[in-house]
Amino acid sequence: MSAAPGARPGLEALWDAILENVPDAITQIDREGRIVLTNRAMGGTTPEALRGHSLYDQVPAFLREGLRSAVAEALRSGESRSYET
């Protein structure tokens, strides 16, 4: 897993350690909902293989609308959001 995009070189190892050891999934997406970075496999697919794929395709259909709403609110407010599945 690579560190957060744009991280300073001295912080890369720290980011990697945090992402690999935190118990929760952390996922960064772009404005279109494509995965930029994630620390957990989804649906049997490795974090590396998920890059560029839609986050919405990784959750069951009945959860997609709630997830889309949470992402829209985060984009509108500029604040990060948590969403549990």
N, C-alpha and C. Protein backbone atom coordinates (compact mmCIF):
# COMPACT_ATOMS: atom_id res chain seq x y z
N MET A 1 0.87 -1.16 0.00
CA MET A 1 0.00 0.00 0.00
C MET A 1 0.91 1.21 0.00
N SER A 2 0.58 2.20 -0.75
CA SER A 2 1.39 3.41 -0.77
C SER A 2 0.78 4.44 0.17
N ALA A 3 1.61 5.36 0.58
CA ALA A 3 1.16 6.40 1.51
C ALA A 3 0.17 7.33 0.85
N ALA A 4 -0.40 8.17 1.67
CA ALA A 4 -1.37 9.14 1.17
C ALA A 4 -0.74 9.95 0.04
N PRO A 5 -1.49 10.13 -1.05
CA PRO A 5 -0.95 10.91 -2.17
C PRO A 5 -0.49 12.28 -1.71
N GLY A 6 0.71 12.67 -2.12
CA GLY A 6 1.24 13.98 -1.77
C GLY A 6 1.94 14.02 -0.42
N ALA A 7 2.03 12.89 0.27
CA ALA A 7 2.68 12.87 1.58
C ALA A 7 4.17 13.16 1.42
N ARG A 8 4.74 13.86 2.38
CA ARG A 8 6.17 14.12 2.35
C ARG A 8 6.92 12.81 2.53
N PRO A 9 8.08 12.66 1.88
CA PRO A 9 8.81 11.40 1.94
C PRO A 9 9.05 10.88 3.35
N GLY A 10 9.33 11.76 4.31
CA GLY A 10 9.60 11.34 5.68
C GLY A 10 8.38 10.76 6.38
N LEU A 11 7.20 11.05 5.87
CA LEU A 11 5.96 10.59 6.50
C LEU A 11 5.41 9.32 5.86
N GLU A 12 5.98 8.88 4.75
CA GLU A 12 5.44 7.73 4.03
C GLU A 12 5.39 6.48 4.90
N ALA A 13 6.45 6.18 5.63
CA ALA A 13 6.46 4.99 6.47
C ALA A 13 5.43 5.09 7.60
N LEU A 14 5.27 6.28 8.15
CA LEU A 14 4.27 6.49 9.20
C LEU A 14 2.86 6.26 8.66
N TRP A 15 2.54 6.84 7.49
CA TRP A 15 1.23 6.64 6.87
C TRP A 15 0.98 5.16 6.61
N ASP A 16 1.98 4.49 6.05
CA ASP A 16 1.82 3.06 5.76
C ASP A 16 1.52 2.27 7.04
N ALA A 17 2.25 2.58 8.12
CA ALA A 17 2.03 1.86 9.38
C ALA A 17 0.63 2.12 9.92
N ILE A 18 0.18 3.35 9.85
CA ILE A 18 -1.18 3.67 10.33
C ILE A 18 -2.22 2.94 9.49
N LEU A 19 -2.12 3.04 8.18
CA LEU A 19 -3.11 2.42 7.30
C LEU A 19 -3.15 0.91 7.44
N GLU A 20 -2.01 0.30 7.66
CA GLU A 20 -1.97 -1.16 7.78
C GLU A 20 -2.43 -1.67 9.14
N ASN A 21 -2.37 -0.84 10.16
CA ASN A 21 -2.65 -1.32 11.51
C ASN A 21 -3.94 -0.80 12.13
N VAL A 22 -4.54 0.21 11.55
CA VAL A 22 -5.80 0.71 12.09
C VAL A 22 -6.86 -0.38 11.88
N PRO A 23 -7.74 -0.59 12.86
CA PRO A 23 -8.72 -1.68 12.72
C PRO A 23 -9.84 -1.42 11.72
N ASP A 24 -10.05 -0.17 11.37
CA ASP A 24 -11.14 0.18 10.45
C ASP A 24 -10.63 0.34 9.03
N ALA A 25 -11.55 0.25 8.10
CA ALA A 25 -11.22 0.53 6.70
C ALA A 25 -11.16 2.04 6.51
N ILE A 26 -10.14 2.50 5.81
CA ILE A 26 -10.00 3.90 5.44
C ILE A 26 -9.92 3.93 3.93
N THR A 27 -10.80 4.69 3.32
CA THR A 27 -10.85 4.75 1.86
C THR A 27 -10.95 6.20 1.43
N GLN A 28 -10.10 6.59 0.49
CA GLN A 28 -10.15 7.92 -0.10
C GLN A 28 -10.67 7.75 -1.52
N ILE A 29 -11.64 8.59 -1.88
CA ILE A 29 -12.21 8.54 -3.23
C ILE A 29 -12.08 9.90 -3.88
N ASP A 30 -12.18 9.92 -5.21
CA ASP A 30 -12.21 11.19 -5.92
C ASP A 30 -13.65 11.67 -6.04
N ARG A 31 -13.89 12.76 -6.70
CA ARG A 31 -15.23 13.34 -6.80
C ARG A 31 -16.22 12.46 -7.55
N GLU A 32 -15.73 11.54 -8.37
CA GLU A 32 -16.61 10.62 -9.10
C GLU A 32 -16.85 9.32 -8.35
N GLY A 33 -16.26 9.20 -7.17
CA GLY A 33 -16.45 7.99 -6.37
C GLY A 33 -15.47 6.87 -6.68
N ARG A 34 -14.42 7.18 -7.43
CA ARG A 34 -13.39 6.17 -7.71
C ARG A 34 -12.40 6.10 -6.56
N ILE A 35 -11.99 4.91 -6.24
CA ILE A 35 -11.07 4.68 -5.12
C ILE A 35 -9.68 5.17 -5.49
N VAL A 36 -9.14 6.04 -4.64
CA VAL A 36 -7.78 6.55 -4.78
C VAL A 36 -6.86 5.74 -3.89
N LEU A 37 -7.33 5.43 -2.69
CA LEU A 37 -6.53 4.71 -1.70
C LEU A 37 -7.47 3.99 -0.75
N THR A 38 -7.15 2.78 -0.41
CA THR A 38 -7.90 2.06 0.62
C THR A 38 -6.94 1.11 1.33
N ASN A 39 -7.22 0.85 2.59
CA ASN A 39 -6.33 -0.01 3.35
C ASN A 39 -6.90 -1.42 3.57
N ARG A 40 -8.05 -1.72 3.04
CA ARG A 40 -8.66 -3.04 3.24
C ARG A 40 -9.18 -3.59 1.92
N ALA A 41 -9.11 -4.91 1.81
CA ALA A 41 -9.68 -5.59 0.65
C ALA A 41 -11.20 -5.46 0.72
N MET A 42 -11.83 -5.45 -0.44
CA MET A 42 -13.29 -5.41 -0.52
C MET A 42 -13.72 -6.47 -1.53
N GLY A 43 -14.65 -7.30 -1.12
CA GLY A 43 -15.17 -8.30 -2.04
C GLY A 43 -14.11 -9.24 -2.58
N GLY A 44 -13.09 -9.52 -1.79
CA GLY A 44 -12.04 -10.42 -2.23
C GLY A 44 -11.01 -9.78 -3.14
N THR A 45 -11.09 -8.46 -3.34
CA THR A 45 -10.15 -7.74 -4.20
C THR A 45 -9.15 -6.99 -3.33
N THR A 46 -7.88 -7.05 -3.67
CA THR A 46 -6.85 -6.39 -2.88
C THR A 46 -6.99 -4.87 -2.95
N PRO A 47 -6.47 -4.17 -1.93
CA PRO A 47 -6.52 -2.72 -1.96
C PRO A 47 -5.88 -2.13 -3.23
N GLU A 48 -4.77 -2.68 -3.63
CA GLU A 48 -4.08 -2.17 -4.82
C GLU A 48 -4.94 -2.32 -6.07
N ALA A 49 -5.62 -3.46 -6.19
CA ALA A 49 -6.45 -3.72 -7.38
C ALA A 49 -7.72 -2.86 -7.39
N LEU A 50 -8.11 -2.32 -6.24
CA LEU A 50 -9.33 -1.50 -6.17
C LEU A 50 -9.12 -0.08 -6.67
N ARG A 51 -7.88 0.37 -6.75
CA ARG A 51 -7.62 1.74 -7.19
C ARG A 51 -8.23 1.99 -8.56
N GLY A 52 -8.96 3.08 -8.65
CA GLY A 52 -9.59 3.46 -9.92
C GLY A 52 -10.97 2.89 -10.12
N HIS A 53 -11.39 1.96 -9.27
CA HIS A 53 -12.72 1.36 -9.38
C HIS A 53 -13.71 2.14 -8.53
N SER A 54 -14.97 2.06 -8.88
CA SER A 54 -16.02 2.77 -8.16
C SER A 54 -16.22 2.18 -6.76
N LEU A 55 -16.23 3.05 -5.77
CA LEU A 55 -16.54 2.62 -4.41
C LEU A 55 -17.94 2.06 -4.34
N TYR A 56 -18.87 2.67 -5.08
CA TYR A 56 -20.27 2.27 -5.02
C TYR A 56 -20.48 0.84 -5.51
N ASP A 57 -19.62 0.38 -6.41
CA ASP A 57 -19.72 -1.00 -6.90
C ASP A 57 -19.23 -2.01 -5.87
N GLN A 58 -18.60 -1.54 -4.80
CA GLN A 58 -18.02 -2.44 -3.80
C GLN A 58 -18.97 -2.72 -2.64
N VAL A 59 -20.11 -2.05 -2.62
CA VAL A 59 -21.07 -2.25 -1.53
C VAL A 59 -22.36 -2.84 -2.10
N PRO A 60 -23.13 -3.54 -1.27
CA PRO A 60 -24.39 -4.09 -1.75
C PRO A 60 -25.32 -2.98 -2.26
N ALA A 61 -26.13 -3.31 -3.24
CA ALA A 61 -27.01 -2.33 -3.89
C ALA A 61 -27.88 -1.57 -2.89
N PHE A 62 -28.38 -2.25 -1.86
CA PHE A 62 -29.28 -1.58 -0.92
C PHE A 62 -28.58 -0.53 -0.05
N LEU A 63 -27.23 -0.51 -0.05
CA LEU A 63 -26.49 0.48 0.73
C LEU A 63 -25.97 1.65 -0.11
N ARG A 64 -26.07 1.54 -1.43
CA ARG A 64 -25.46 2.53 -2.31
C ARG A 64 -26.05 3.93 -2.17
N GLU A 65 -27.36 4.03 -2.05
CA GLU A 65 -27.97 5.37 -1.96
C GLU A 65 -27.52 6.10 -0.70
N GLY A 66 -27.46 5.40 0.43
CA GLY A 66 -26.99 6.02 1.67
C GLY A 66 -25.54 6.45 1.56
N LEU A 67 -24.73 5.62 0.92
CA LEU A 67 -23.32 5.95 0.72
C LEU A 67 -23.19 7.16 -0.20
N ARG A 68 -23.94 7.18 -1.28
CA ARG A 68 -23.90 8.33 -2.19
C ARG A 68 -24.31 9.62 -1.47
N SER A 69 -25.31 9.53 -0.60
CA SER A 69 -25.75 10.71 0.16
C SER A 69 -24.66 11.20 1.10
N ALA A 70 -23.98 10.26 1.78
CA ALA A 70 -22.90 10.64 2.69
C ALA A 70 -21.75 11.29 1.93
N VAL A 71 -21.42 10.76 0.76
CA VAL A 71 -20.34 11.34 -0.05
C VAL A 71 -20.75 12.73 -0.54
N ALA A 72 -21.98 12.87 -1.00
CA ALA A 72 -22.46 14.17 -1.48
C ALA A 72 -22.39 15.22 -0.37
N GLU A 73 -22.77 14.83 0.84
CA GLU A 73 -22.73 15.75 1.97
C GLU A 73 -21.29 16.14 2.30
N ALA A 74 -20.37 15.18 2.24
CA ALA A 74 -18.97 15.48 2.50
C ALA A 74 -18.42 16.44 1.46
N LEU A 75 -18.78 16.24 0.20
CA LEU A 75 -18.32 17.14 -0.86
C LEU A 75 -18.92 18.53 -0.69
N ARG A 76 -20.19 18.59 -0.29
CA ARG A 76 -20.86 19.87 -0.10
C ARG A 76 -20.25 20.65 1.06
N SER A 77 -20.02 19.95 2.17
CA SER A 77 -19.55 20.62 3.39
C SER A 77 -18.04 20.78 3.45
N GLY A 78 -17.32 19.95 2.70
CA GLY A 78 -15.86 19.99 2.77
C GLY A 78 -15.31 19.26 3.97
N GLU A 79 -16.16 18.55 4.71
CA GLU A 79 -15.73 17.82 5.90
C GLU A 79 -15.74 16.33 5.62
N SER A 80 -14.81 15.62 6.25
CA SER A 80 -14.78 14.16 6.07
C SER A 80 -16.01 13.54 6.74
N ARG A 81 -16.36 12.36 6.30
CA ARG A 81 -17.53 11.66 6.83
C ARG A 81 -17.18 10.20 7.07
N SER A 82 -17.88 9.61 8.00
CA SER A 82 -17.79 8.18 8.24
C SER A 82 -19.07 7.56 7.73
N TYR A 83 -18.95 6.35 7.21
CA TYR A 83 -20.13 5.62 6.75
C TYR A 83 -19.90 4.16 7.06
N GLU A 84 -20.75 3.59 7.87
CA GLU A 84 -20.61 2.18 8.24
C GLU A 84 -21.56 1.32 7.46
N THR A 85 -21.05 0.17 7.01
CA THR A 85 -21.89 -0.78 6.27
C THR A 85 -22.12 -2.02 7.10
